[in-house]
mmCIF file of all heavy atoms, coordinates in Angstrom:
data_MODEL
# 
_entry.id   MODEL 
# 
loop_
_atom_site.group_PDB 
_atom_site.id 
_atom_site.type_symbol 
_atom_site.label_atom_id 
_atom_site.label_alt_id 
_atom_site.label_comp_id 
_atom_site.label_asym_id 
_atom_site.label_entity_id 
_atom_site.label_seq_id 
_atom_site.pdbx_PDB_ins_code 
_atom_site.Cartn_x 
_atom_site.Cartn_y 
_atom_site.Cartn_z 
_atom_site.occupancy 
_atom_site.B_iso_or_equiv 
_atom_site.pdbx_formal_charge 
_atom_site.auth_seq_id 
_atom_site.auth_comp_id 
_atom_site.auth_asym_id 
_atom_site.auth_atom_id 
_atom_site.pdbx_PDB_model_num 
ATOM 1   N N   . GLU A 1 1  ? -6.399  -1.840  87.115 1.00 0.00 ? 1  GLU A N   1 
ATOM 2   C CA  . GLU A 1 1  ? -5.117  -1.467  87.698 1.00 0.00 ? 1  GLU A CA  1 
ATOM 3   C C   . GLU A 1 1  ? -4.116  -2.623  87.610 1.00 0.00 ? 1  GLU A C   1 
ATOM 4   O O   . GLU A 1 1  ? -4.465  -3.735  87.195 1.00 0.00 ? 1  GLU A O   1 
ATOM 5   C CB  . GLU A 1 1  ? -5.334  -1.065  89.161 1.00 0.00 ? 1  GLU A CB  1 
ATOM 6   C CG  . GLU A 1 1  ? -6.291  0.116   89.326 1.00 0.00 ? 1  GLU A CG  1 
ATOM 7   C CD  . GLU A 1 1  ? -6.578  0.429   90.786 1.00 0.00 ? 1  GLU A CD  1 
ATOM 8   O OE1 . GLU A 1 1  ? -6.146  -0.370  91.670 1.00 0.00 ? 1  GLU A OE1 1 
ATOM 9   O OE2 . GLU A 1 1  ? -7.238  1.454   91.054 1.00 0.00 ? 1  GLU A OE2 1 
ATOM 10  N N   . GLU A 1 2  ? -2.885  -2.355  88.013 1.00 0.00 ? 2  GLU A N   1 
ATOM 11  C CA  . GLU A 1 2  ? -1.888  -3.423  88.084 1.00 0.00 ? 2  GLU A CA  1 
ATOM 12  C C   . GLU A 1 2  ? -2.367  -4.477  89.079 1.00 0.00 ? 2  GLU A C   1 
ATOM 13  O O   . GLU A 1 2  ? -2.856  -4.148  90.149 1.00 0.00 ? 2  GLU A O   1 
ATOM 14  C CB  . GLU A 1 2  ? -0.538  -2.854  88.523 1.00 0.00 ? 2  GLU A CB  1 
ATOM 15  C CG  . GLU A 1 2  ? 0.126   -1.984  87.471 1.00 0.00 ? 2  GLU A CG  1 
ATOM 16  C CD  . GLU A 1 2  ? 1.525   -1.545  87.887 1.00 0.00 ? 2  GLU A CD  1 
ATOM 17  O OE1 . GLU A 1 2  ? 2.042   -2.116  88.861 1.00 0.00 ? 2  GLU A OE1 1 
ATOM 18  O OE2 . GLU A 1 2  ? 2.066   -0.631  87.234 1.00 0.00 ? 2  GLU A OE2 1 
ATOM 19  N N   . GLY A 1 3  ? -2.216  -5.717  88.698 1.00 0.00 ? 3  GLY A N   1 
ATOM 20  C CA  . GLY A 1 3  ? -2.743  -6.806  89.509 1.00 0.00 ? 3  GLY A CA  1 
ATOM 21  C C   . GLY A 1 3  ? -4.106  -7.278  89.044 1.00 0.00 ? 3  GLY A C   1 
ATOM 22  O O   . GLY A 1 3  ? -4.569  -8.352  89.428 1.00 0.00 ? 3  GLY A O   1 
ATOM 23  N N   . ASP A 1 4  ? -4.785  -6.468  88.189 1.00 0.00 ? 4  ASP A N   1 
ATOM 24  C CA  . ASP A 1 4  ? -6.060  -6.857  87.597 1.00 0.00 ? 4  ASP A CA  1 
ATOM 25  C C   . ASP A 1 4  ? -5.802  -7.589  86.274 1.00 0.00 ? 4  ASP A C   1 
ATOM 26  O O   . ASP A 1 4  ? -4.669  -7.632  85.772 1.00 0.00 ? 4  ASP A O   1 
ATOM 27  C CB  . ASP A 1 4  ? -6.941  -5.633  87.339 1.00 0.00 ? 4  ASP A CB  1 
ATOM 28  C CG  . ASP A 1 4  ? -7.376  -4.945  88.620 1.00 0.00 ? 4  ASP A CG  1 
ATOM 29  O OD1 . ASP A 1 4  ? -7.404  -5.614  89.672 1.00 0.00 ? 4  ASP A OD1 1 
ATOM 30  O OD2 . ASP A 1 4  ? -7.682  -3.733  88.572 1.00 0.00 ? 4  ASP A OD2 1 
ATOM 31  N N   . HIS A 1 5  ? -6.887  -8.113  85.702 1.00 0.00 ? 5  HIS A N   1 
ATOM 32  C CA  . HIS A 1 5  ? -6.776  -8.877  84.453 1.00 0.00 ? 5  HIS A CA  1 
ATOM 33  C C   . HIS A 1 5  ? -7.957  -8.554  83.547 1.00 0.00 ? 5  HIS A C   1 
ATOM 34  O O   . HIS A 1 5  ? -9.081  -8.377  84.017 1.00 0.00 ? 5  HIS A O   1 
ATOM 35  C CB  . HIS A 1 5  ? -6.754  -10.378 84.747 1.00 0.00 ? 5  HIS A CB  1 
ATOM 36  C CG  . HIS A 1 5  ? -5.644  -10.803 85.649 1.00 0.00 ? 5  HIS A CG  1 
ATOM 37  N ND1 . HIS A 1 5  ? -4.430  -11.257 85.190 1.00 0.00 ? 5  HIS A ND1 1 
ATOM 38  C CD2 . HIS A 1 5  ? -5.558  -10.810 87.015 1.00 0.00 ? 5  HIS A CD2 1 
ATOM 39  C CE1 . HIS A 1 5  ? -3.646  -11.549 86.221 1.00 0.00 ? 5  HIS A CE1 1 
ATOM 40  N NE2 . HIS A 1 5  ? -4.311  -11.280 87.333 1.00 0.00 ? 5  HIS A NE2 1 
ATOM 41  N N   . VAL A 1 6  ? -7.704  -8.485  82.246 1.00 0.00 ? 6  VAL A N   1 
ATOM 42  C CA  . VAL A 1 6  ? -8.766  -8.310  81.263 1.00 0.00 ? 6  VAL A CA  1 
ATOM 43  C C   . VAL A 1 6  ? -8.724  -9.479  80.286 1.00 0.00 ? 6  VAL A C   1 
ATOM 44  O O   . VAL A 1 6  ? -7.643  -9.921  79.866 1.00 0.00 ? 6  VAL A O   1 
ATOM 45  C CB  . VAL A 1 6  ? -8.631  -6.959  80.515 1.00 0.00 ? 6  VAL A CB  1 
ATOM 46  C CG1 . VAL A 1 6  ? -7.278  -6.826  79.813 1.00 0.00 ? 6  VAL A CG1 1 
ATOM 47  C CG2 . VAL A 1 6  ? -9.769  -6.776  79.517 1.00 0.00 ? 6  VAL A CG2 1 
ATOM 48  N N   . MET A 1 7  ? -9.919  -10.014 79.956 1.00 0.00 ? 7  MET A N   1 
ATOM 49  C CA  . MET A 1 7  ? -10.026 -11.148 79.046 1.00 0.00 ? 7  MET A CA  1 
ATOM 50  C C   . MET A 1 7  ? -10.848 -10.736 77.821 1.00 0.00 ? 7  MET A C   1 
ATOM 51  O O   . MET A 1 7  ? -12.077 -10.860 77.820 1.00 0.00 ? 7  MET A O   1 
ATOM 52  C CB  . MET A 1 7  ? -10.670 -12.344 79.768 1.00 0.00 ? 7  MET A CB  1 
ATOM 53  C CG  . MET A 1 7  ? -9.805  -12.952 80.843 1.00 0.00 ? 7  MET A CG  1 
ATOM 54  S SD  . MET A 1 7  ? -10.598 -14.363 81.699 1.00 0.00 ? 7  MET A SD  1 
ATOM 55  C CE  . MET A 1 7  ? -10.996 -15.445 80.310 1.00 0.00 ? 7  MET A CE  1 
ATOM 56  N N   . PRO A 1 8  ? -10.186 -10.232 76.768 1.00 0.00 ? 8  PRO A N   1 
ATOM 57  C CA  . PRO A 1 8  ? -10.909 -9.854  75.556 1.00 0.00 ? 8  PRO A CA  1 
ATOM 58  C C   . PRO A 1 8  ? -11.150 -11.071 74.656 1.00 0.00 ? 8  PRO A C   1 
ATOM 59  O O   . PRO A 1 8  ? -10.325 -11.976 74.584 1.00 0.00 ? 8  PRO A O   1 
ATOM 60  C CB  . PRO A 1 8  ? -9.952  -8.866  74.889 1.00 0.00 ? 8  PRO A CB  1 
ATOM 61  C CG  . PRO A 1 8  ? -8.592  -9.348  75.294 1.00 0.00 ? 8  PRO A CG  1 
ATOM 62  C CD  . PRO A 1 8  ? -8.744  -9.923  76.675 1.00 0.00 ? 8  PRO A CD  1 
ATOM 63  N N   . LYS A 1 9  ? -12.273 -11.058 73.974 1.00 0.00 ? 9  LYS A N   1 
ATOM 64  C CA  . LYS A 1 9  ? -12.592 -12.124 73.024 1.00 0.00 ? 9  LYS A CA  1 
ATOM 65  C C   . LYS A 1 9  ? -11.809 -11.896 71.740 1.00 0.00 ? 9  LYS A C   1 
ATOM 66  O O   . LYS A 1 9  ? -11.800 -10.786 71.188 1.00 0.00 ? 9  LYS A O   1 
ATOM 67  C CB  . LYS A 1 9  ? -14.097 -12.132 72.743 1.00 0.00 ? 9  LYS A CB  1 
ATOM 68  C CG  . LYS A 1 9  ? -14.596 -13.362 72.006 1.00 0.00 ? 9  LYS A CG  1 
ATOM 69  C CD  . LYS A 1 9  ? -16.123 -13.342 71.937 1.00 0.00 ? 9  LYS A CD  1 
ATOM 70  C CE  . LYS A 1 9  ? -16.651 -14.626 71.308 1.00 0.00 ? 9  LYS A CE  1 
ATOM 71  N NZ  . LYS A 1 9  ? -18.145 -14.621 71.253 1.00 0.00 ? 9  LYS A NZ  1 
ATOM 72  N N   . LYS A 1 10 ? -11.128 -12.945 71.276 1.00 0.00 ? 10 LYS A N   1 
ATOM 73  C CA  . LYS A 1 10 ? -10.288 -12.836 70.086 1.00 0.00 ? 10 LYS A CA  1 
ATOM 74  C C   . LYS A 1 10 ? -11.112 -12.421 68.865 1.00 0.00 ? 10 LYS A C   1 
ATOM 75  O O   . LYS A 1 10 ? -12.255 -12.853 68.688 1.00 0.00 ? 10 LYS A O   1 
ATOM 76  C CB  . LYS A 1 10 ? -9.608  -14.175 69.789 1.00 0.00 ? 10 LYS A CB  1 
ATOM 77  C CG  . LYS A 1 10 ? -8.593  -14.610 70.827 1.00 0.00 ? 10 LYS A CG  1 
ATOM 78  C CD  . LYS A 1 10 ? -8.027  -15.987 70.469 1.00 0.00 ? 10 LYS A CD  1 
ATOM 79  C CE  . LYS A 1 10 ? -7.078  -16.510 71.530 1.00 0.00 ? 10 LYS A CE  1 
ATOM 80  N NZ  . LYS A 1 10 ? -6.599  -17.882 71.237 1.00 0.00 ? 10 LYS A NZ  1 
ATOM 81  N N   . ASP A 1 11 ? -10.496 -11.582 68.020 1.00 0.00 ? 11 ASP A N   1 
ATOM 82  C CA  . ASP A 1 11 ? -11.076 -11.161 66.745 1.00 0.00 ? 11 ASP A CA  1 
ATOM 83  C C   . ASP A 1 11 ? -12.336 -10.312 66.918 1.00 0.00 ? 11 ASP A C   1 
ATOM 84  O O   . ASP A 1 11 ? -13.178 -10.249 66.009 1.00 0.00 ? 11 ASP A O   1 
ATOM 85  C CB  . ASP A 1 11 ? -11.388 -12.373 65.852 1.00 0.00 ? 11 ASP A CB  1 
ATOM 86  C CG  . ASP A 1 11 ? -10.158 -13.210 65.566 1.00 0.00 ? 11 ASP A CG  1 
ATOM 87  O OD1 . ASP A 1 11 ? -9.076  -12.625 65.358 1.00 0.00 ? 11 ASP A OD1 1 
ATOM 88  O OD2 . ASP A 1 11 ? -10.269 -14.455 65.552 1.00 0.00 ? 11 ASP A OD2 1 
ATOM 89  N N   . TYR A 1 12 ? -12.458 -9.662  68.069 1.00 0.00 ? 12 TYR A N   1 
ATOM 90  C CA  . TYR A 1 12 ? -13.559 -8.730  68.324 1.00 0.00 ? 12 TYR A CA  1 
ATOM 91  C C   . TYR A 1 12 ? -12.969 -7.355  68.634 1.00 0.00 ? 12 TYR A C   1 
ATOM 92  O O   . TYR A 1 12 ? -11.777 -7.229  68.903 1.00 0.00 ? 12 TYR A O   1 
ATOM 93  C CB  . TYR A 1 12 ? -14.442 -9.241  69.470 1.00 0.00 ? 12 TYR A CB  1 
ATOM 94  C CG  . TYR A 1 12 ? -15.436 -10.295 69.029 1.00 0.00 ? 12 TYR A CG  1 
ATOM 95  C CD1 . TYR A 1 12 ? -15.022 -11.604 68.778 1.00 0.00 ? 12 TYR A CD1 1 
ATOM 96  C CD2 . TYR A 1 12 ? -16.784 -9.981  68.849 1.00 0.00 ? 12 TYR A CD2 1 
ATOM 97  C CE1 . TYR A 1 12 ? -15.929 -12.571 68.367 1.00 0.00 ? 12 TYR A CE1 1 
ATOM 98  C CE2 . TYR A 1 12 ? -17.690 -10.939 68.440 1.00 0.00 ? 12 TYR A CE2 1 
ATOM 99  C CZ  . TYR A 1 12 ? -17.268 -12.235 68.203 1.00 0.00 ? 12 TYR A CZ  1 
ATOM 100 O OH  . TYR A 1 12 ? -18.164 -13.185 67.789 1.00 0.00 ? 12 TYR A OH  1 
ATOM 101 N N   . PRO A 1 13 ? -13.797 -6.290  68.596 1.00 0.00 ? 13 PRO A N   1 
ATOM 102 C CA  . PRO A 1 13 ? -13.253 -4.925  68.714 1.00 0.00 ? 13 PRO A CA  1 
ATOM 103 C C   . PRO A 1 13 ? -12.399 -4.666  69.947 1.00 0.00 ? 13 PRO A C   1 
ATOM 104 O O   . PRO A 1 13 ? -11.390 -3.952  69.856 1.00 0.00 ? 13 PRO A O   1 
ATOM 105 C CB  . PRO A 1 13 ? -14.518 -4.056  68.717 1.00 0.00 ? 13 PRO A CB  1 
ATOM 106 C CG  . PRO A 1 13 ? -15.498 -4.831  67.907 1.00 0.00 ? 13 PRO A CG  1 
ATOM 107 C CD  . PRO A 1 13 ? -15.229 -6.272  68.241 1.00 0.00 ? 13 PRO A CD  1 
ATOM 108 N N   . LEU A 1 14 ? -12.777 -5.209  71.119 1.00 0.00 ? 14 LEU A N   1 
ATOM 109 C CA  . LEU A 1 14 ? -11.979 -4.954  72.320 1.00 0.00 ? 14 LEU A CA  1 
ATOM 110 C C   . LEU A 1 14 ? -10.562 -5.470  72.151 1.00 0.00 ? 14 LEU A C   1 
ATOM 111 O O   . LEU A 1 14 ? -9.588  -4.781  72.481 1.00 0.00 ? 14 LEU A O   1 
ATOM 112 C CB  . LEU A 1 14 ? -12.625 -5.590  73.547 1.00 0.00 ? 14 LEU A CB  1 
ATOM 113 C CG  . LEU A 1 14 ? -11.799 -5.505  74.842 1.00 0.00 ? 14 LEU A CG  1 
ATOM 114 C CD1 . LEU A 1 14 ? -11.516 -4.063  75.224 1.00 0.00 ? 14 LEU A CD1 1 
ATOM 115 C CD2 . LEU A 1 14 ? -12.492 -6.245  75.978 1.00 0.00 ? 14 LEU A CD2 1 
ATOM 116 N N   . CYS A 1 15 ? -10.428 -6.676  71.640 1.00 0.00 ? 15 CYS A N   1 
ATOM 117 C CA  . CYS A 1 15 ? -9.107  -7.269  71.440 1.00 0.00 ? 15 CYS A CA  1 
ATOM 118 C C   . CYS A 1 15 ? -8.294  -6.445  70.449 1.00 0.00 ? 15 CYS A C   1 
ATOM 119 O O   . CYS A 1 15 ? -7.096  -6.206  70.653 1.00 0.00 ? 15 CYS A O   1 
ATOM 120 C CB  . CYS A 1 15 ? -9.263  -8.711  70.941 1.00 0.00 ? 15 CYS A CB  1 
ATOM 121 S SG  . CYS A 1 15 ? -7.753  -9.689  71.045 1.00 0.00 ? 15 CYS A SG  1 
ATOM 122 N N   . GLU A 1 16 ? -8.938  -5.975  69.407 1.00 0.00 ? 16 GLU A N   1 
ATOM 123 C CA  . GLU A 1 16 ? -8.244  -5.158  68.394 1.00 0.00 ? 16 GLU A CA  1 
ATOM 124 C C   . GLU A 1 16 ? -7.759  -3.841  68.998 1.00 0.00 ? 16 GLU A C   1 
ATOM 125 O O   . GLU A 1 16 ? -6.627  -3.406  68.757 1.00 0.00 ? 16 GLU A O   1 
ATOM 126 C CB  . GLU A 1 16 ? -9.180  -4.892  67.221 1.00 0.00 ? 16 GLU A CB  1 
ATOM 127 C CG  . GLU A 1 16 ? -8.547  -4.074  66.103 1.00 0.00 ? 16 GLU A CG  1 
ATOM 128 C CD  . GLU A 1 16 ? -9.505  -3.835  64.947 1.00 0.00 ? 16 GLU A CD  1 
ATOM 129 O OE1 . GLU A 1 16 ? -10.562 -4.487  64.896 1.00 0.00 ? 16 GLU A OE1 1 
ATOM 130 O OE2 . GLU A 1 16 ? -9.182  -2.972  64.094 1.00 0.00 ? 16 GLU A OE2 1 
ATOM 131 N N   . LEU A 1 17 ? -8.620  -3.181  69.802 1.00 0.00 ? 17 LEU A N   1 
ATOM 132 C CA  . LEU A 1 17 ? -8.241  -1.912  70.420 1.00 0.00 ? 17 LEU A CA  1 
ATOM 133 C C   . LEU A 1 17 ? -7.071  -2.085  71.383 1.00 0.00 ? 17 LEU A C   1 
ATOM 134 O O   . LEU A 1 17 ? -6.171  -1.240  71.444 1.00 0.00 ? 17 LEU A O   1 
ATOM 135 C CB  . LEU A 1 17 ? -9.443  -1.316  71.154 1.00 0.00 ? 17 LEU A CB  1 
ATOM 136 C CG  . LEU A 1 17 ? -10.553 -0.736  70.265 1.00 0.00 ? 17 LEU A CG  1 
ATOM 137 C CD1 . LEU A 1 17 ? -11.814 -0.465  71.083 1.00 0.00 ? 17 LEU A CD1 1 
ATOM 138 C CD2 . LEU A 1 17 ? -10.069 0.538   69.576 1.00 0.00 ? 17 LEU A CD2 1 
ATOM 139 N N   . ILE A 1 18 ? -7.071  -3.188  72.134 1.00 0.00 ? 18 ILE A N   1 
ATOM 140 C CA  . ILE A 1 18 ? -5.963  -3.449  73.059 1.00 0.00 ? 18 ILE A CA  1 
ATOM 141 C C   . ILE A 1 18 ? -4.673  -3.705  72.284 1.00 0.00 ? 18 ILE A C   1 
ATOM 142 O O   . ILE A 1 18 ? -3.608  -3.185  72.626 1.00 0.00 ? 18 ILE A O   1 
ATOM 143 C CB  . ILE A 1 18 ? -6.298  -4.637  73.980 1.00 0.00 ? 18 ILE A CB  1 
ATOM 144 C CG1 . ILE A 1 18 ? -7.425  -4.251  74.946 1.00 0.00 ? 18 ILE A CG1 1 
ATOM 145 C CG2 . ILE A 1 18 ? -5.064  -5.078  74.767 1.00 0.00 ? 18 ILE A CG2 1 
ATOM 146 C CD1 . ILE A 1 18 ? -7.920  -5.401  75.806 1.00 0.00 ? 18 ILE A CD1 1 
ATOM 147 N N   . CYS A 1 19 ? -4.781  -4.496  71.215 1.00 0.00 ? 19 CYS A N   1 
ATOM 148 C CA  . CYS A 1 19 ? -3.590  -4.830  70.417 1.00 0.00 ? 19 CYS A CA  1 
ATOM 149 C C   . CYS A 1 19 ? -3.015  -3.599  69.713 1.00 0.00 ? 19 CYS A C   1 
ATOM 150 O O   . CYS A 1 19 ? -1.808  -3.522  69.485 1.00 0.00 ? 19 CYS A O   1 
ATOM 151 C CB  . CYS A 1 19 ? -3.935  -5.906  69.389 1.00 0.00 ? 19 CYS A CB  1 
ATOM 152 S SG  . CYS A 1 19 ? -4.267  -7.524  70.101 1.00 0.00 ? 19 CYS A SG  1 
ATOM 153 N N   . ASN A 1 20 ? -3.864  -2.638  69.391 1.00 0.00 ? 20 ASN A N   1 
ATOM 154 C CA  . ASN A 1 20 ? -3.389  -1.426  68.706 1.00 0.00 ? 20 ASN A CA  1 
ATOM 155 C C   . ASN A 1 20 ? -2.475  -0.586  69.590 1.00 0.00 ? 20 ASN A C   1 
ATOM 156 O O   . ASN A 1 20 ? -1.591  0.105   69.091 1.00 0.00 ? 20 ASN A O   1 
ATOM 157 C CB  . ASN A 1 20 ? -4.585  -0.581  68.251 1.00 0.00 ? 20 ASN A CB  1 
ATOM 158 C CG  . ASN A 1 20 ? -5.290  -1.179  67.042 1.00 0.00 ? 20 ASN A CG  1 
ATOM 159 O OD1 . ASN A 1 20 ? -4.746  -2.042  66.364 1.00 0.00 ? 20 ASN A OD1 1 
ATOM 160 N ND2 . ASN A 1 20 ? -6.514  -0.726  66.800 1.00 0.00 ? 20 ASN A ND2 1 
ATOM 161 N N   . ASP A 1 21 ? -2.709  -0.640  70.907 1.00 0.00 ? 21 ASP A N   1 
ATOM 162 C CA  . ASP A 1 21 ? -1.874  0.146   71.826 1.00 0.00 ? 21 ASP A CA  1 
ATOM 163 C C   . ASP A 1 21 ? -1.822  -0.575  73.178 1.00 0.00 ? 21 ASP A C   1 
ATOM 164 O O   . ASP A 1 21 ? -2.421  -0.125  74.158 1.00 0.00 ? 21 ASP A O   1 
ATOM 165 C CB  . ASP A 1 21 ? -2.439  1.557   71.990 1.00 0.00 ? 21 ASP A CB  1 
ATOM 166 C CG  . ASP A 1 21 ? -1.388  2.531   72.521 1.00 0.00 ? 21 ASP A CG  1 
ATOM 167 O OD1 . ASP A 1 21 ? -0.341  2.060   73.012 1.00 0.00 ? 21 ASP A OD1 1 
ATOM 168 O OD2 . ASP A 1 21 ? -1.615  3.748   72.443 1.00 0.00 ? 21 ASP A OD2 1 
ATOM 169 N N   . PRO A 1 22 ? -1.094  -1.690  73.253 1.00 0.00 ? 22 PRO A N   1 
ATOM 170 C CA  . PRO A 1 22 ? -1.090  -2.508  74.465 1.00 0.00 ? 22 PRO A CA  1 
ATOM 171 C C   . PRO A 1 22 ? -0.504  -1.809  75.685 1.00 0.00 ? 22 PRO A C   1 
ATOM 172 O O   . PRO A 1 22 ? -0.802  -2.187  76.817 1.00 0.00 ? 22 PRO A O   1 
ATOM 173 C CB  . PRO A 1 22 ? -0.240  -3.723  74.071 1.00 0.00 ? 22 PRO A CB  1 
ATOM 174 C CG  . PRO A 1 22 ? 0.592   -3.254  72.922 1.00 0.00 ? 22 PRO A CG  1 
ATOM 175 C CD  . PRO A 1 22 ? -0.252  -2.263  72.196 1.00 0.00 ? 22 PRO A CD  1 
ATOM 176 N N   . LEU A 1 23 ? 0.325   -0.779  75.475 1.00 0.00 ? 23 LEU A N   1 
ATOM 177 C CA  . LEU A 1 23 ? 0.951   -0.098  76.610 1.00 0.00 ? 23 LEU A CA  1 
ATOM 178 C C   . LEU A 1 23 ? -0.060  0.718   77.424 1.00 0.00 ? 23 LEU A C   1 
ATOM 179 O O   . LEU A 1 23 ? 0.248   1.145   78.534 1.00 0.00 ? 23 LEU A O   1 
ATOM 180 C CB  . LEU A 1 23 ? 2.070   0.809   76.116 1.00 0.00 ? 23 LEU A CB  1 
ATOM 181 C CG  . LEU A 1 23 ? 3.279   0.098   75.485 1.00 0.00 ? 23 LEU A CG  1 
ATOM 182 C CD1 . LEU A 1 23 ? 4.308   1.117   75.026 1.00 0.00 ? 23 LEU A CD1 1 
ATOM 183 C CD2 . LEU A 1 23 ? 3.897   -0.902  76.453 1.00 0.00 ? 23 LEU A CD2 1 
ATOM 184 N N   . LEU A 1 24 ? -1.260  0.923   76.872 1.00 0.00 ? 24 LEU A N   1 
ATOM 185 C CA  . LEU A 1 24 ? -2.296  1.637   77.624 1.00 0.00 ? 24 LEU A CA  1 
ATOM 186 C C   . LEU A 1 24 ? -2.850  0.792   78.773 1.00 0.00 ? 24 LEU A C   1 
ATOM 187 O O   . LEU A 1 24 ? -3.416  1.329   79.723 1.00 0.00 ? 24 LEU A O   1 
ATOM 188 C CB  . LEU A 1 24 ? -3.447  2.030   76.687 1.00 0.00 ? 24 LEU A CB  1 
ATOM 189 C CG  . LEU A 1 24 ? -3.164  3.116   75.648 1.00 0.00 ? 24 LEU A CG  1 
ATOM 190 C CD1 . LEU A 1 24 ? -4.385  3.295   74.757 1.00 0.00 ? 24 LEU A CD1 1 
ATOM 191 C CD2 . LEU A 1 24 ? -2.802  4.426   76.323 1.00 0.00 ? 24 LEU A CD2 1 
ATOM 192 N N   . MET A 1 25 ? -2.680  -0.524  78.670 1.00 0.00 ? 25 MET A N   1 
ATOM 193 C CA  . MET A 1 25 ? -3.265  -1.434  79.649 1.00 0.00 ? 25 MET A CA  1 
ATOM 194 C C   . MET A 1 25 ? -2.352  -1.632  80.858 1.00 0.00 ? 25 MET A C   1 
ATOM 195 O O   . MET A 1 25 ? -1.191  -2.025  80.711 1.00 0.00 ? 25 MET A O   1 
ATOM 196 C CB  . MET A 1 25 ? -3.522  -2.811  79.015 1.00 0.00 ? 25 MET A CB  1 
ATOM 197 C CG  . MET A 1 25 ? -4.664  -2.856  78.034 1.00 0.00 ? 25 MET A CG  1 
ATOM 198 S SD  . MET A 1 25 ? -6.244  -2.627  78.832 1.00 0.00 ? 25 MET A SD  1 
ATOM 199 C CE  . MET A 1 25 ? -7.002  -1.500  77.672 1.00 0.00 ? 25 MET A CE  1 
# 
């Protein structure tokens, strides 16, 4: 939720999925 934080590992699938549609986060 807002106020939370996610730390994806660079160059791994989670980071790629977030970068593909950052407005979902």
